[in-house]
PDB file of N, CA and C in Angstrom:
ATOM      1  N   UNK A   1     105.838 101.578 143.190  1.00  0.00           N
ATOM      2  CA  UNK A   1     105.466 100.648 142.203  1.00  0.00           C
ATOM      3  C   UNK A   1     104.748 101.257 141.097  1.00  0.00           C
ATOM      4  N   UNK A   2     103.706 101.999 141.405  1.00  0.00           N
ATOM      5  CA  UNK A   2     102.923 102.775 140.344  1.00  0.00           C
ATOM      6  C   UNK A   2     103.924 103.665 139.374  1.00  0.00           C
ATOM      7  N   UNK A   3     104.796 104.332 139.985  1.00  0.00           N
ATOM      8  CA  UNK A   3     105.746 105.179 139.316  1.00  0.00           C
ATOM      9  C   UNK A   3     106.547 104.325 138.353  1.00  0.00           C
ATOM     10  N   UNK A   4     106.912 103.081 138.826  1.00  0.00           N
ATOM     11  CA  UNK A   4     107.754 102.248 137.946  1.00  0.00           C
ATOM     12  C   UNK A   4     106.977 101.868 136.693  1.00  0.00           C
ATOM     13  N   UNK A   5     105.622 101.370 136.990  1.00  0.00           N
ATOM     14  CA  UNK A   5     104.672 100.897 135.823  1.00  0.00           C
ATOM     15  C   UNK A   5     104.460 102.067 134.857  1.00  0.00           C
ATOM     16  N   UNK A   6     104.293 103.204 135.331  1.00  0.00           N
ATOM     17  CA  UNK A   6     103.900 104.241 134.569  1.00  0.00           C
ATOM     18  C   UNK A   6     105.115 104.735 133.691  1.00  0.00           C
ATOM     19  N   UNK A   7     106.391 104.583 134.191  1.00  0.00           N
ATOM     20  CA  UNK A   7     107.662 104.994 133.474  1.00  0.00           C
ATOM     21  C   UNK A   7     107.768 103.856 132.350  1.00  0.00           C
ATOM     22  N   UNK A   8     107.518 102.667 132.752  1.00  0.00           N
ATOM     23  CA  UNK A   8     107.886 101.543 131.723  1.00  0.00           C
ATOM     24  C   UNK A   8     106.624 101.624 130.442  1.00  0.00           C
ATOM     25  N   UNK A   9     105.452 102.049 130.954  1.00  0.00           N
ATOM     26  CA  UNK A   9     104.511 102.271 129.874  1.00  0.00           C
ATOM     27  C   UNK A   9     104.872 103.445 129.017  1.00  0.00           C
ATOM     28  N   UNK A  10     105.167 104.500 129.703  1.00  0.00           N
ATOM     29  CA  UNK A  10     105.585 105.831 128.645  1.00  0.00           C
ATOM     30  C   UNK A  10     106.845 105.419 127.928  1.00  0.00           C
ATOM     31  N   UNK A  11     107.823 104.526 128.368  1.00  0.00           N
ATOM     32  CA  UNK A  11     108.895 104.237 127.628  1.00  0.00           C
ATOM     33  C   UNK A  11     108.413 103.347 126.507  1.00  0.00           C
ATOM     34  N   UNK A  12     107.861 102.433 126.542  1.00  0.00           N
ATOM     35  CA  UNK A  12     107.335 101.513 125.595  1.00  0.00           C
ATOM     36  C   UNK A  12     106.385 102.227 124.522  1.00  0.00           C
ATOM     37  N   UNK A  13     105.590 103.281 125.031  1.00  0.00           N
ATOM     38  CA  UNK A  13     104.789 104.111 124.077  1.00  0.00           C
ATOM     39  C   UNK A  13     105.589 104.894 123.137  1.00  0.00           C
ATOM     40  N   UNK A  14     106.741 105.479 123.659  1.00  0.00           N
ATOM     41  CA  UNK A  14     107.552 106.341 122.923  1.00  0.00           C
ATOM     42  C   UNK A  14     108.508 105.582 122.040  1.00  0.00           C
ATOM     43  N   UNK A  15     108.895 104.318 122.506  1.00  0.00           N
ATOM     44  CA  UNK A  15     109.901 103.572 121.792  1.00  0.00           C
ATOM     45  C   UNK A  15     109.213 102.939 120.643  1.00  0.00           C
ATOM     46  N   UNK A  16     108.022 102.658 120.653  1.00  0.00           N
ATOM     47  CA  UNK A  16     107.294 101.848 119.603  1.00  0.00           C
ATOM     48  C   UNK A  16     106.851 102.653 118.392  1.00  0.00           C
ATOM     49  N   UNK A  17     106.886 103.998 118.657  1.00  0.00           N
ATOM     50  CA  UNK A  17     106.567 105.014 117.409  1.00  0.00           C
ATOM     51  C   UNK A  17     107.432 104.842 116.374  1.00  0.00           C
ATOM     52  N   UNK A  18     106.827 104.824 115.061  1.00  0.00           N
ATOM     53  CA  UNK A  18     107.639 104.896 113.843  1.00  0.00           C
ATOM     54  C   UNK A  18     108.287 106.200 113.649  1.00  0.00           C
ATOM     55  N   UNK A  19     109.443 106.205 113.172  1.00  0.00           N
ATOM     56  CA  UNK A  19     110.185 107.427 112.998  1.00  0.00           C
ATOM     57  C   UNK A  19     110.357 107.888 111.497  1.00  0.00           C
ATOM     58  N   UNK A  20     109.756 108.781 111.204  1.00  0.00           N
ATOM     59  CA  UNK A  20     109.807 109.359 109.755  1.00  0.00           C
ATOM     60  C   UNK A  20     110.959 110.093 109.520  1.00  0.00           C
ATOM     61  N   UNK A  21     111.725 110.153 108.338  1.00  0.00           N
ATOM     62  CA  UNK A  21     112.900 110.857 108.258  1.00  0.00           C
ATOM     63  C   UNK A  21     112.406 112.394 108.159  1.00  0.00           C
ATOM     64  N   UNK A  22     113.332 113.261 108.561  1.00  0.00           N
ATOM     65  CA  UNK A  22     113.359 114.664 108.482  1.00  0.00           C
ATOM     66  C   UNK A  22     113.355 115.160 107.047  1.00  0.00           C
ATOM     67  N   UNK A  23     113.096 116.351 106.638  1.00  0.00           N
ATOM     68  CA  UNK A  23     113.302 116.611 105.304  1.00  0.00           C
ATOM     69  C   UNK A  23     114.605 116.762 104.943  1.00  0.00           C
ATOM     70  N   UNK A  24     115.553 117.121 105.809  1.00  0.00           N
ATOM     71  CA  UNK A  24     117.053 117.225 105.712  1.00  0.00           C
ATOM     72  C   UNK A  24     117.631 115.781 105.246  1.00  0.00           C
ATOM     73  N   UNK A  25     117.012 114.890 106.092  1.00  0.00           N
ATOM     74  CA  UNK A  25     117.567 113.319 105.937  1.00  0.00           C
ATOM     75  C   UNK A  25     116.958 112.795 104.661  1.00  0.00           C
ATOM     76  N   UNK A  26     115.875 113.251 104.294  1.00  0.00           N
ATOM     77  CA  UNK A  26     115.159 112.683 102.943  1.00  0.00           C
ATOM     78  C   UNK A  26     116.038 113.265 101.747  1.00  0.00           C
ATOM     79  N   UNK A  27     116.324 114.547 101.759  1.00  0.00           N
ATOM     80  CA  UNK A  27     117.003 115.362 100.756  1.00  0.00           C
ATOM     81  C   UNK A  27     118.373 114.555 100.555  1.00  0.00           C
ATOM     82  N   UNK A  28     119.250 114.293 101.645  1.00  0.00           N
ATOM     83  CA  UNK A  28     120.248 113.618 101.496  1.00  0.00           C
ATOM     84  C   UNK A  28     120.270 112.310 100.888  1.00  0.00           C
ATOM     85  N   UNK A  29     119.388 111.494 101.379  1.00  0.00           N
ATOM     86  CA  UNK A  29     119.153 110.137 100.792  1.00  0.00           C
ATOM     87  C   UNK A  29     118.764 110.159  99.317  1.00  0.00           C
ATOM     88  N   UNK A  30     117.971 111.222  98.852  1.00  0.00           N
ATOM     89  CA  UNK A  30     117.611 111.243  97.521  1.00  0.00           C
ATOM     90  C   UNK A  30     118.860 111.739  96.830  1.00  0.00           C
ATOM     91  N   UNK A  31     119.543 112.621  97.286  1.00  0.00           N
ATOM     92  CA  UNK A  31     120.807 113.193  96.618  1.00  0.00           C
ATOM     93  C   UNK A  31     121.753 112.017  96.377  1.00  0.00           C
ATOM     94  N   UNK A  32     122.154 111.164  97.440  1.00  0.00           N
ATOM     95  CA  UNK A  32     122.888 110.171  97.514  1.00  0.00           C
ATOM     96  C   UNK A  32     122.482 109.153  96.481  1.00  0.00           C
ATOM     97  N   UNK A  33     121.261 108.717  96.266  1.00  0.00           N
ATOM     98  CA  UNK A  33     120.678 107.799  95.360  1.00  0.00           C
ATOM     99  C   UNK A  33     120.910 108.175  93.997  1.00  0.00           C
ATOM    100  N   UNK A  34     120.688 109.603  93.695  1.00  0.00           N
ATOM    101  CA  UNK A  34     120.907 110.011  92.436  1.00  0.00           C
ATOM    102  C   UNK A  34     122.267 110.260  92.033  1.00  0.00           C
ATOM    103  N   UNK A  35     123.098 110.510  93.105  1.00  0.00           N
ATOM    104  CA  UNK A  35     124.656 110.604  92.711  1.00  0.00           C
ATOM    105  C   UNK A  35     125.143 109.029  92.276  1.00  0.00           C
ATOM    106  N   UNK A  36     124.844 107.992  93.020  1.00  0.00           N
ATOM    107  CA  UNK A  36     125.335 106.782  92.890  1.00  0.00           C
ATOM    108  C   UNK A  36     124.857 106.391  91.428  1.00  0.00           C
ATOM    109  N   UNK A  37     123.492 106.545  91.076  1.00  0.00           N
ATOM    110  CA  UNK A  37     122.918 106.142  89.855  1.00  0.00           C
ATOM    111  C   UNK A  37     123.713 106.745  88.663  1.00  0.00           C
ATOM    112  N   UNK A  38     123.940 108.181  88.867  1.00  0.00           N
ATOM    113  CA  UNK A  38     124.728 108.996  87.820  1.00  0.00           C
ATOM    114  C   UNK A  38     126.039 108.441  87.625  1.00  0.00           C
ATOM    115  N   UNK A  39     126.786 108.071  88.596  1.00  0.00           N
ATOM    116  CA  UNK A  39     128.191 107.794  88.406  1.00  0.00           C
ATOM    117  C   UNK A  39     128.192 106.253  87.731  1.00  0.00           C
ATOM    118  N   UNK A  40     127.179 105.532  88.091  1.00  0.00           N
ATOM    119  CA  UNK A  40     126.988 104.387  87.574  1.00  0.00           C
ATOM    120  C   UNK A  40     126.714 104.053  85.992  1.00  0.00           C
ATOM    121  N   UNK A  41     126.058 105.250  85.565  1.00  0.00           N
ATOM    122  CA  UNK A  41     125.691 105.500  84.162  1.00  0.00           C
ATOM    123  C   UNK A  41     126.862 105.888  83.490  1.00  0.00           C
ATOM    124  N   UNK A  42     127.717 106.829  84.055  1.00  0.00           N
ATOM    125  CA  UNK A  42     129.004 107.223  83.532  1.00  0.00           C
ATOM    126  C   UNK A  42     129.905 106.156  83.438  1.00  0.00           C
ATOM    127  N   UNK A  43     130.053 105.241  84.355  1.00  0.00           N
ATOM    128  CA  UNK A  43     130.887 104.176  84.283  1.00  0.00           C
ATOM    129  C   UNK A  43     130.507 103.137  82.992  1.00  0.00           C
ATOM    130  N   UNK A  44     129.218 103.026  82.932  1.00  0.00           N
ATOM    131  CA  UNK A  44     128.791 102.118  81.661  1.00  0.00           C
ATOM    132  C   UNK A  44     129.141 102.747  80.223  1.00  0.00           C
ATOM    133  N   UNK A  45     129.009 103.910  80.445  1.00  0.00           N
ATOM    134  CA  UNK A  45     129.391 104.955  79.005  1.00  0.00           C
ATOM    135  C   UNK A  45     130.883 104.790  78.961  1.00  0.00           C
ATOM    136  N   UNK A  46     131.752 104.714  79.874  1.00  0.00           N
ATOM    137  CA  UNK A  46     133.291 104.795  79.778  1.00  0.00           C
ATOM    138  C   UNK A  46     133.630 103.345  79.147  1.00  0.00           C
ATOM    139  N   UNK A  47     132.900 102.320  79.240  1.00  0.00           N
ATOM    140  CA  UNK A  47     133.225 101.029  78.833  1.00  0.00           C
ATOM    141  C   UNK A  47     132.490 100.826  77.330  1.00  0.00           C
ATOM    142  N   UNK A  48     131.893 101.865  76.824  1.00  0.00           N
ATOM    143  CA  UNK A  48     131.342 101.634  75.612  1.00  0.00           C
ATOM    144  C   UNK A  48     130.051 101.123  75.394  1.00  0.00           C
ATOM    145  N   UNK A  49     129.243 101.078  76.530  1.00  0.00           N
ATOM    146  CA  UNK A  49     128.051 100.502  76.557  1.00  0.00           C
ATOM    147  C   UNK A  49     126.832 101.672  76.500  1.00  0.00           C
ATOM    148  N   UNK A  50     126.135 101.755  75.360  1.00  0.00           N
ATOM    149  CA  UNK A  50     125.376 102.744  75.143  1.00  0.00           C
ATOM    150  C   UNK A  50     123.839 102.080  75.457  1.00  0.00           C
ATOM    151  N   UNK A  51     122.801 102.817  75.201  1.00  0.00           N
ATOM    152  CA  UNK A  51     121.406 102.344  75.506  1.00  0.00           C
ATOM    153  C   UNK A  51     121.112 101.235  74.660  1.00  0.00           C
ATOM    154  N   UNK A  52     121.582 101.038  73.396  1.00  0.00           N
ATOM    155  CA  UNK A  52     121.409 100.032  72.456  1.00  0.00           C
ATOM    156  C   UNK A  52     122.456  98.937  72.369  1.00  0.00           C
ATOM    157  N   UNK A  53     123.463  99.127  73.097  1.00  0.00           N
ATOM    158  CA  UNK A  53     124.588  98.353  73.118  1.00  0.00           C
ATOM    159  C   UNK A  53     125.657  98.811  72.181  1.00  0.00           C
ATOM    160  N   UNK A  54     125.361  99.883  71.226  1.00  0.00           N
ATOM    161  CA  UNK A  54     126.299 100.197  70.415  1.00  0.00           C
ATOM    162  C   UNK A  54     126.630 101.723  70.709  1.00  0.00           C
ATOM    163  N   UNK A  55     127.983 102.009  70.818  1.00  0.00           N
ATOM    164  CA  UNK A  55     128.464 103.386  71.186  1.00  0.00           C
ATOM    165  C   UNK A  55     129.782 103.736  70.452  1.00  0.00           C
ATOM    166  N   UNK A  56     129.705 104.902  69.754  1.00  0.00           N
ATOM    167  CA  UNK A  56     130.907 105.451  69.197  1.00  0.00           C
ATOM    168  C   UNK A  56     131.689 105.848  70.293  1.00  0.00           C
ATOM    169  N   UNK A  57     132.992 105.572  70.090  1.00  0.00           N
ATOM    170  CA  UNK A  57     134.154 106.068  71.046  1.00  0.00           C
ATOM    171  C   UNK A  57     135.229 106.766  70.227  1.00  0.00           C
ATOM    172  N   UNK A  58     135.707 107.762  70.803  1.00  0.00           N
ATOM    173  CA  UNK A  58     136.899 108.468  70.214  1.00  0.00           C
ATOM    174  C   UNK A  58     138.107 107.800  70.537  1.00  0.00           C
ATOM    175  N   UNK A  59     139.076 107.655  69.806  1.00  0.00           N
ATOM    176  CA  UNK A  59     140.390 106.984  69.954  1.00  0.00           C
ATOM    177  C   UNK A  59     141.412 108.015  70.691  1.00  0.00           C
ATOM    178  N   UNK A  60     141.175 109.226  70.795  1.00  0.00           N
ATOM    179  CA  UNK A  60     142.245 110.329  71.124  1.00  0.00           C
ATOM    180  C   UNK A  60     141.735 110.705  72.474  1.00  0.00           C
TER     181      UNK A  60
END
């Protein structure tokens, strides 16, 4: 019985600890967010929307 209680306490102690992302996971997340924002900005410029709402476009 004592071994069972000890194992349950250890499992709960380990399970409740917060997990911080590793440096590799953090870099991948930041890289993904940057890429999505970059492509979103490119799409906006493809439709002729600039920072002030006016954007010169070439016709050729």
